[in-house]
Amino acid sequence: MKRLHRFSAFILSALALVSTGWQSAGARPVEHVFILSFDQAGPADIAGAEMPVYKAMAAEGAHTWEAYTIVPSITLPSHVSMLTGVGIQKHQIQWNDIWEPAKPQLTVPTVFSLAHARGLSTAAFVAKQKFMLFDAAGGIDHFELIDGGSNTAVADAVVRHIAAAKPSLCFVHFGDPDAKGHKFGVTSPEKKASLAEADAALKAIRDAVDAAGIGDTSVFILTADHGGHDVLNQEGRMVGTHGTADPADVLIPWIAWGATVKPGTTITAPVVQYDTAATALWLLGIDVPESFWGRPVVSAFE
């Protein structure tokens, strides 16, 4: 009978763990999360570009080249899903041009507002004016718009802030690859050169994290809002576009690198755009809201 009671207790304990799952996984030894989004950088784009730092982080950390963004696969709605943990049907940000106060604004919480409410410092560095949507929603302690700025200019701003503030949650948007892809083509030399510059920018940010003495307690999440494909324009010139459900547009990379990450791991669990928000909160020890569609990518971590 005692053996039966012990077995029953074991089963109940196991069921309790399963039922709570990631939500009760416990606080992680992570104090800083850096989310870096490489605009219009699908797996094929990364593979074809000179990006030794990015590729080394993918190999050293946990990665999947088969994560998926939302449909329509366009910049602002996708980034909203990335940073709110819900799909476009929930967040309802369908516009993708200039930010204006009269346009639909965010009515769901962001990773910034949730982290800020817990007393954590937040920062965002963006290369497109439309991202003012996030600043207007609140919760970002330090917001910098480098509108149309180079990858180097974005990284310079990030490096300065890391040295001064060591933010708990930092979002970085490299917009230039998308600009070059639209203008010259997704597979153009100009687009590849921009991705190579973004790789150098990534190294500068990593170096700044180490110089600030927070490397051992930081996690980098490297991802993208969408990929892209080439089409002929009216002048008969190849230009880049995206927005469809085609794999070229919706497949994105998802890489975790840093503290507590399982080294050399291929993530086999499904990863979707809104899992980034959930993972960032979970790493920082913040309960993921039940309203989130996204779930932490726990298989990437020890």
Protein backbone atom coordinates (compact mmCIF):
# COMPACT_ATOMS: atom_id res chain seq x y z
CA MET A 1 0.00 0.00 0.00
CA LYS A 2 2.85 2.41 0.87
CA ARG A 3 4.39 1.69 -2.54
CA LEU A 4 1.06 2.52 -4.18
CA HIS A 5 0.81 5.80 -2.27
CA ARG A 6 4.35 6.73 -3.26
CA PHE A 7 3.61 5.92 -6.89
CA SER A 8 0.41 7.98 -6.75
CA ALA A 9 2.29 10.89 -5.23
CA PHE A 10 4.93 10.63 -7.96
CA ILE A 11 2.27 10.65 -10.68
CA LEU A 12 0.51 13.66 -9.14
CA SER A 13 3.79 15.54 -8.91
CA ALA A 14 4.61 14.74 -12.52
CA LEU A 15 1.18 15.83 -13.68
CA ALA A 16 1.55 19.08 -11.77
CA LEU A 17 4.81 19.80 -13.56
CA VAL A 18 3.31 18.95 -16.94
CA SER A 19 0.20 21.02 -16.34
CA THR A 20 2.18 24.11 -15.38
CA GLY A 21 4.89 23.41 -17.97
CA TRP A 22 6.94 26.40 -19.03
CA GLN A 23 4.92 28.79 -16.88
CA SER A 24 6.45 27.37 -13.70
CA ALA A 25 9.86 26.61 -15.13
CA GLY A 26 11.39 28.99 -12.59
CA ALA A 27 13.47 32.11 -12.89
CA ARG A 28 16.34 31.86 -15.34
CA PRO A 29 19.87 33.13 -14.55
CA VAL A 30 19.48 35.74 -17.27
CA GLU A 31 19.51 39.46 -16.62
CA HIS A 32 19.68 40.85 -20.16
CA VAL A 33 17.91 39.84 -23.36
CA PHE A 34 18.83 41.33 -26.73
CA ILE A 35 16.38 40.75 -29.59
CA LEU A 36 17.98 41.55 -32.95
CA SER A 37 15.77 41.62 -36.03
CA PHE A 38 17.41 41.57 -39.46
CA ASP A 39 14.76 42.98 -41.80
CA GLN A 40 14.15 40.81 -44.91
CA ALA A 41 16.67 38.18 -43.85
CA GLY A 42 15.28 34.74 -44.50
CA PRO A 43 17.41 31.61 -44.11
CA ALA A 44 18.39 31.66 -47.79
CA ASP A 45 19.50 35.29 -47.46
CA ILE A 46 21.70 34.45 -44.47
CA ALA A 47 23.16 31.41 -46.22
CA GLY A 48 24.16 33.49 -49.26
CA ALA A 49 25.75 36.37 -47.34
CA GLU A 50 29.14 36.83 -45.68
CA MET A 51 27.96 36.70 -42.07
CA PRO A 52 30.59 34.80 -40.08
CA VAL A 53 29.54 36.13 -36.67
CA TYR A 54 25.86 35.37 -37.19
CA LYS A 55 26.57 31.89 -38.55
CA ALA A 56 29.00 31.11 -35.72
CA MET A 57 26.37 32.11 -33.15
CA ALA A 58 23.85 29.83 -34.88
CA ALA A 59 26.31 26.92 -34.75
CA GLU A 60 27.42 27.59 -31.17
CA GLY A 61 23.94 28.24 -29.79
CA ALA A 62 20.48 26.85 -30.50
CA HIS A 63 18.97 27.45 -33.92
CA THR A 64 16.29 26.65 -36.42
CA TRP A 65 16.19 27.72 -40.06
CA GLU A 66 12.53 26.74 -40.24
CA ALA A 67 10.75 29.23 -37.99
CA TYR A 68 7.74 31.01 -39.47
CA THR A 69 6.53 34.57 -39.52
CA ILE A 70 2.92 35.68 -39.83
CA VAL A 71 0.85 36.21 -42.96
CA PRO A 72 0.83 38.76 -44.44
CA SER A 73 4.60 38.63 -44.15
CA ILE A 74 5.20 42.38 -43.94
CA THR A 75 7.38 44.45 -41.66
CA LEU A 76 5.26 46.23 -39.06
CA PRO A 77 2.55 43.59 -38.46
CA SER A 78 5.27 40.96 -38.20
CA HIS A 79 7.32 42.95 -35.70
CA VAL A 80 4.19 43.62 -33.67
CA SER A 81 3.66 39.86 -33.41
CA MET A 82 7.34 39.44 -32.53
CA LEU A 83 7.07 41.91 -29.65
CA THR A 84 3.51 41.30 -28.38
CA GLY A 85 3.28 37.52 -28.56
CA VAL A 86 0.04 37.44 -30.56
CA GLY A 87 -0.99 37.16 -34.20
CA ILE A 88 -2.34 39.88 -36.45
CA GLN A 89 -5.90 38.68 -35.85
CA LYS A 90 -5.42 39.72 -32.21
CA HIS A 91 -3.20 42.80 -32.38
CA GLN A 92 -4.95 44.21 -35.48
CA ILE A 93 -1.99 46.26 -36.69
CA GLN A 94 -2.46 45.83 -40.42
CA TRP A 95 -0.94 49.05 -41.70
CA ASN A 96 2.71 49.21 -42.75
CA ASP A 97 3.55 52.76 -43.75
CA ILE A 98 4.20 56.01 -41.87
CA TRP A 99 3.21 56.14 -38.21
CA GLU A 100 0.57 58.71 -37.36
CA PRO A 101 -1.39 59.14 -34.12
CA ALA A 102 -4.68 58.78 -36.01
CA LYS A 103 -3.84 55.27 -37.19
CA PRO A 104 -4.80 52.16 -35.20
CA GLN A 105 -2.52 51.88 -32.20
CA LEU A 106 -1.50 49.00 -29.97
CA THR A 107 -4.14 47.77 -27.55
CA VAL A 108 -2.26 44.66 -26.40
CA PRO A 109 0.75 44.64 -24.04
CA THR A 110 4.26 44.55 -25.44
CA VAL A 111 7.37 42.90 -24.05
CA PHE A 112 8.51 46.42 -23.20
CA SER A 113 5.46 47.33 -21.14
CA LEU A 114 5.47 43.99 -19.33
CA ALA A 115 9.18 44.22 -18.50
CA HIS A 116 8.89 47.88 -17.51
CA ALA A 117 6.04 47.04 -15.13
CA ARG A 118 8.41 44.65 -13.37
CA GLY A 119 10.97 47.41 -12.91
CA LEU A 120 13.30 46.24 -15.67
CA SER A 121 14.99 48.72 -18.01
CA THR A 122 13.99 48.62 -21.67
CA ALA A 123 15.39 50.03 -24.90
CA ALA A 124 14.63 49.94 -28.62
CA PHE A 125 16.72 51.04 -31.60
CA VAL A 126 14.89 51.10 -34.93
CA ALA A 127 15.61 52.07 -38.53
CA LYS A 128 12.06 52.80 -39.73
CA GLN A 129 9.70 55.59 -38.67
CA LYS A 130 6.72 53.20 -38.47
CA PHE A 131 8.26 51.66 -35.34
CA MET A 132 7.22 54.76 -33.42
CA LEU A 133 4.12 52.67 -32.83
CA PHE A 134 6.01 50.90 -30.03
CA ASP A 135 7.24 54.11 -28.45
CA ALA A 136 3.68 55.49 -28.47
CA ALA A 137 2.48 52.35 -26.68
CA GLY A 138 4.75 53.08 -23.71
CA GLY A 139 7.07 51.00 -21.61
CA ILE A 140 10.28 51.82 -23.51
CA ASP A 141 12.73 53.69 -21.31
CA HIS A 142 15.07 54.56 -24.18
CA PHE A 143 13.85 54.75 -27.77
CA GLU A 144 16.04 55.78 -30.71
CA LEU A 145 14.88 56.14 -34.29
CA ILE A 146 17.68 56.07 -36.84
CA ASP A 147 15.28 56.49 -39.76
CA GLY A 148 16.82 54.99 -42.89
CA GLY A 149 20.08 54.62 -41.01
CA SER A 150 22.83 52.21 -41.90
CA ASN A 151 23.38 49.07 -39.89
CA THR A 152 26.53 50.67 -38.53
CA ALA A 153 24.63 53.77 -37.37
CA VAL A 154 22.09 51.59 -35.56
CA ALA A 155 24.84 49.58 -33.86
CA ASP A 156 26.69 52.73 -32.81
CA ALA A 157 23.59 53.94 -30.98
CA VAL A 158 23.13 50.56 -29.30
CA VAL A 159 26.77 50.37 -28.23
CA ARG A 160 26.58 53.81 -26.58
CA HIS A 161 23.47 52.86 -24.65
CA ILE A 162 24.79 49.50 -23.48
CA ALA A 163 27.82 51.23 -22.00
CA ALA A 164 25.64 53.80 -20.26
CA ALA A 165 22.62 51.79 -19.12
CA LYS A 166 23.06 48.00 -19.53
CA PRO A 167 19.37 47.50 -20.42
CA SER A 168 17.52 44.42 -19.26
CA LEU A 169 15.55 44.14 -22.50
CA CYS A 170 16.89 45.61 -25.72
CA PHE A 171 15.36 45.39 -29.20
CA VAL A 172 17.50 46.21 -32.25
CA HIS A 173 16.13 46.56 -35.77
CA PHE A 174 18.43 46.50 -38.80
CA GLY A 175 16.27 47.90 -41.60
CA ASP A 176 18.85 48.43 -44.33
CA PRO A 177 18.81 44.86 -45.75
CA ASP A 178 15.12 45.30 -46.52
CA ALA A 179 15.73 48.65 -48.19
CA LYS A 180 18.47 47.20 -50.35
CA GLY A 181 16.40 44.12 -51.16
CA HIS A 182 13.44 46.17 -52.34
CA LYS A 183 15.59 48.46 -54.45
CA PHE A 184 18.08 46.03 -55.96
CA GLY A 185 16.61 42.55 -55.47
CA VAL A 186 16.57 39.98 -52.71
CA THR A 187 19.65 38.17 -54.01
CA SER A 188 21.49 41.28 -55.21
CA PRO A 189 25.10 42.11 -54.30
CA GLU A 190 23.80 45.26 -52.58
CA LYS A 191 21.51 43.25 -50.31
CA LYS A 192 24.31 40.79 -49.50
CA ALA A 193 26.64 43.68 -48.70
CA SER A 194 24.06 45.14 -46.32
CA LEU A 195 23.74 41.81 -44.52
CA ALA A 196 27.52 41.63 -44.22
CA GLU A 197 27.50 45.11 -42.70
CA ALA A 198 24.76 43.97 -40.29
CA ASP A 199 27.01 41.09 -39.26
CA ALA A 200 29.78 43.53 -38.38
CA ALA A 201 27.20 45.54 -36.45
CA LEU A 202 26.22 42.41 -34.56
CA LYS A 203 29.84 41.88 -33.56
CA ALA A 204 30.08 45.47 -32.31
CA ILE A 205 27.02 44.94 -30.11
CA ARG A 206 28.37 41.66 -28.77
CA ASP A 207 31.68 43.33 -27.98
CA ALA A 208 29.84 46.13 -26.16
CA VAL A 209 27.93 43.60 -24.07
CA ASP A 210 31.20 41.93 -23.07
CA ALA A 211 32.86 45.28 -22.35
CA ALA A 212 29.95 46.21 -20.09
CA GLY A 213 30.57 43.06 -18.06
CA ILE A 214 27.15 41.53 -18.75
CA GLY A 215 28.09 38.86 -21.28
CA ASP A 216 27.69 35.99 -18.81
CA THR A 217 24.11 36.97 -17.99
CA SER A 218 22.90 37.91 -21.47
CA VAL A 219 20.99 36.07 -24.19
CA PHE A 220 20.86 37.12 -27.83
CA ILE A 221 17.86 36.20 -29.96
CA LEU A 222 18.57 36.65 -33.68
CA THR A 223 15.61 36.54 -36.04
CA ALA A 224 13.80 38.33 -38.88
CA ASP A 225 10.40 39.72 -39.74
CA HIS A 226 10.19 37.96 -43.12
CA GLY A 227 12.17 36.78 -46.12
CA GLY A 228 11.48 37.83 -49.68
CA HIS A 229 11.47 36.97 -53.37
CA ASP A 230 12.40 38.74 -56.59
CA VAL A 231 9.97 40.03 -59.21
CA LEU A 232 10.32 42.05 -62.40
CA ASN A 233 9.11 45.63 -62.10
CA GLN A 234 7.51 47.68 -64.88
CA GLU A 235 10.92 48.69 -66.17
CA GLY A 236 11.94 45.04 -66.49
CA ARG A 237 14.33 45.29 -63.54
CA MET A 238 14.51 42.74 -60.75
CA VAL A 239 13.37 44.07 -57.37
CA GLY A 240 12.51 42.43 -54.09
CA THR A 241 9.13 42.01 -52.48
CA HIS A 242 7.34 39.93 -49.82
CA GLY A 243 3.99 39.61 -48.09
CA THR A 244 2.77 36.24 -49.32
CA ALA A 245 2.51 32.83 -47.64
CA ASP A 246 5.22 31.46 -49.94
CA PRO A 247 8.09 29.78 -48.01
CA ALA A 248 10.53 32.33 -49.43
CA ASP A 249 8.56 35.04 -47.60
CA VAL A 250 7.49 33.31 -44.39
CA LEU A 251 10.50 31.18 -43.44
CA ILE A 252 12.71 32.98 -40.92
CA PRO A 253 15.72 32.04 -38.81
CA TRP A 254 15.48 31.86 -35.03
CA ILE A 255 18.70 31.67 -33.02
CA ALA A 256 19.39 31.83 -29.29
CA TRP A 257 22.95 32.40 -28.09
CA GLY A 258 24.37 33.15 -24.67
CA ALA A 259 23.64 32.31 -21.04
CA THR A 260 21.77 29.03 -20.39
CA VAL A 261 21.51 28.25 -24.13
CA LYS A 262 22.10 24.61 -25.05
CA PRO A 263 25.25 24.70 -27.19
CA GLY A 264 25.22 23.29 -30.70
CA THR A 265 21.48 22.58 -30.61
CA THR A 266 19.12 22.28 -33.55
CA ILE A 267 15.64 23.31 -32.44
CA THR A 268 13.14 20.76 -33.72
CA ALA A 269 10.03 22.13 -31.98
CA PRO A 270 7.87 24.46 -34.11
CA VAL A 271 8.82 28.13 -33.72
CA VAL A 272 6.58 30.96 -34.86
CA GLN A 273 7.02 34.71 -34.84
CA TYR A 274 5.19 35.40 -31.59
CA ASP A 275 7.30 32.88 -29.63
CA THR A 276 10.08 35.49 -29.45
CA ALA A 277 8.11 37.69 -27.05
CA ALA A 278 7.23 34.76 -24.82
CA THR A 279 10.84 33.53 -24.75
CA ALA A 280 12.21 36.95 -23.83
CA LEU A 281 9.79 37.33 -20.91
CA TRP A 282 10.42 33.79 -19.69
CA LEU A 283 14.17 34.31 -19.75
CA LEU A 284 13.78 37.44 -17.64
CA GLY A 285 11.65 35.60 -15.08
CA ILE A 286 8.40 37.32 -16.08
CA ASP A 287 5.21 35.26 -16.25
CA VAL A 288 4.00 34.94 -19.82
CA PRO A 289 0.42 36.27 -20.02
CA GLU A 290 -2.25 33.68 -20.70
CA SER A 291 -3.43 35.93 -23.53
CA PHE A 292 -0.19 35.28 -25.42
CA TRP A 293 -0.32 33.00 -28.45
CA GLY A 294 3.43 32.53 -28.25
CA ARG A 295 5.23 30.08 -25.98
CA PRO A 296 8.84 30.11 -24.79
CA VAL A 297 11.21 28.04 -26.90
CA VAL A 298 12.30 26.08 -23.84
CA SER A 299 14.08 23.36 -25.81
CA ALA A 300 16.78 25.91 -26.72
CA PHE A 301 17.86 26.32 -23.09
CA GLU A 302 19.48 24.28 -20.33
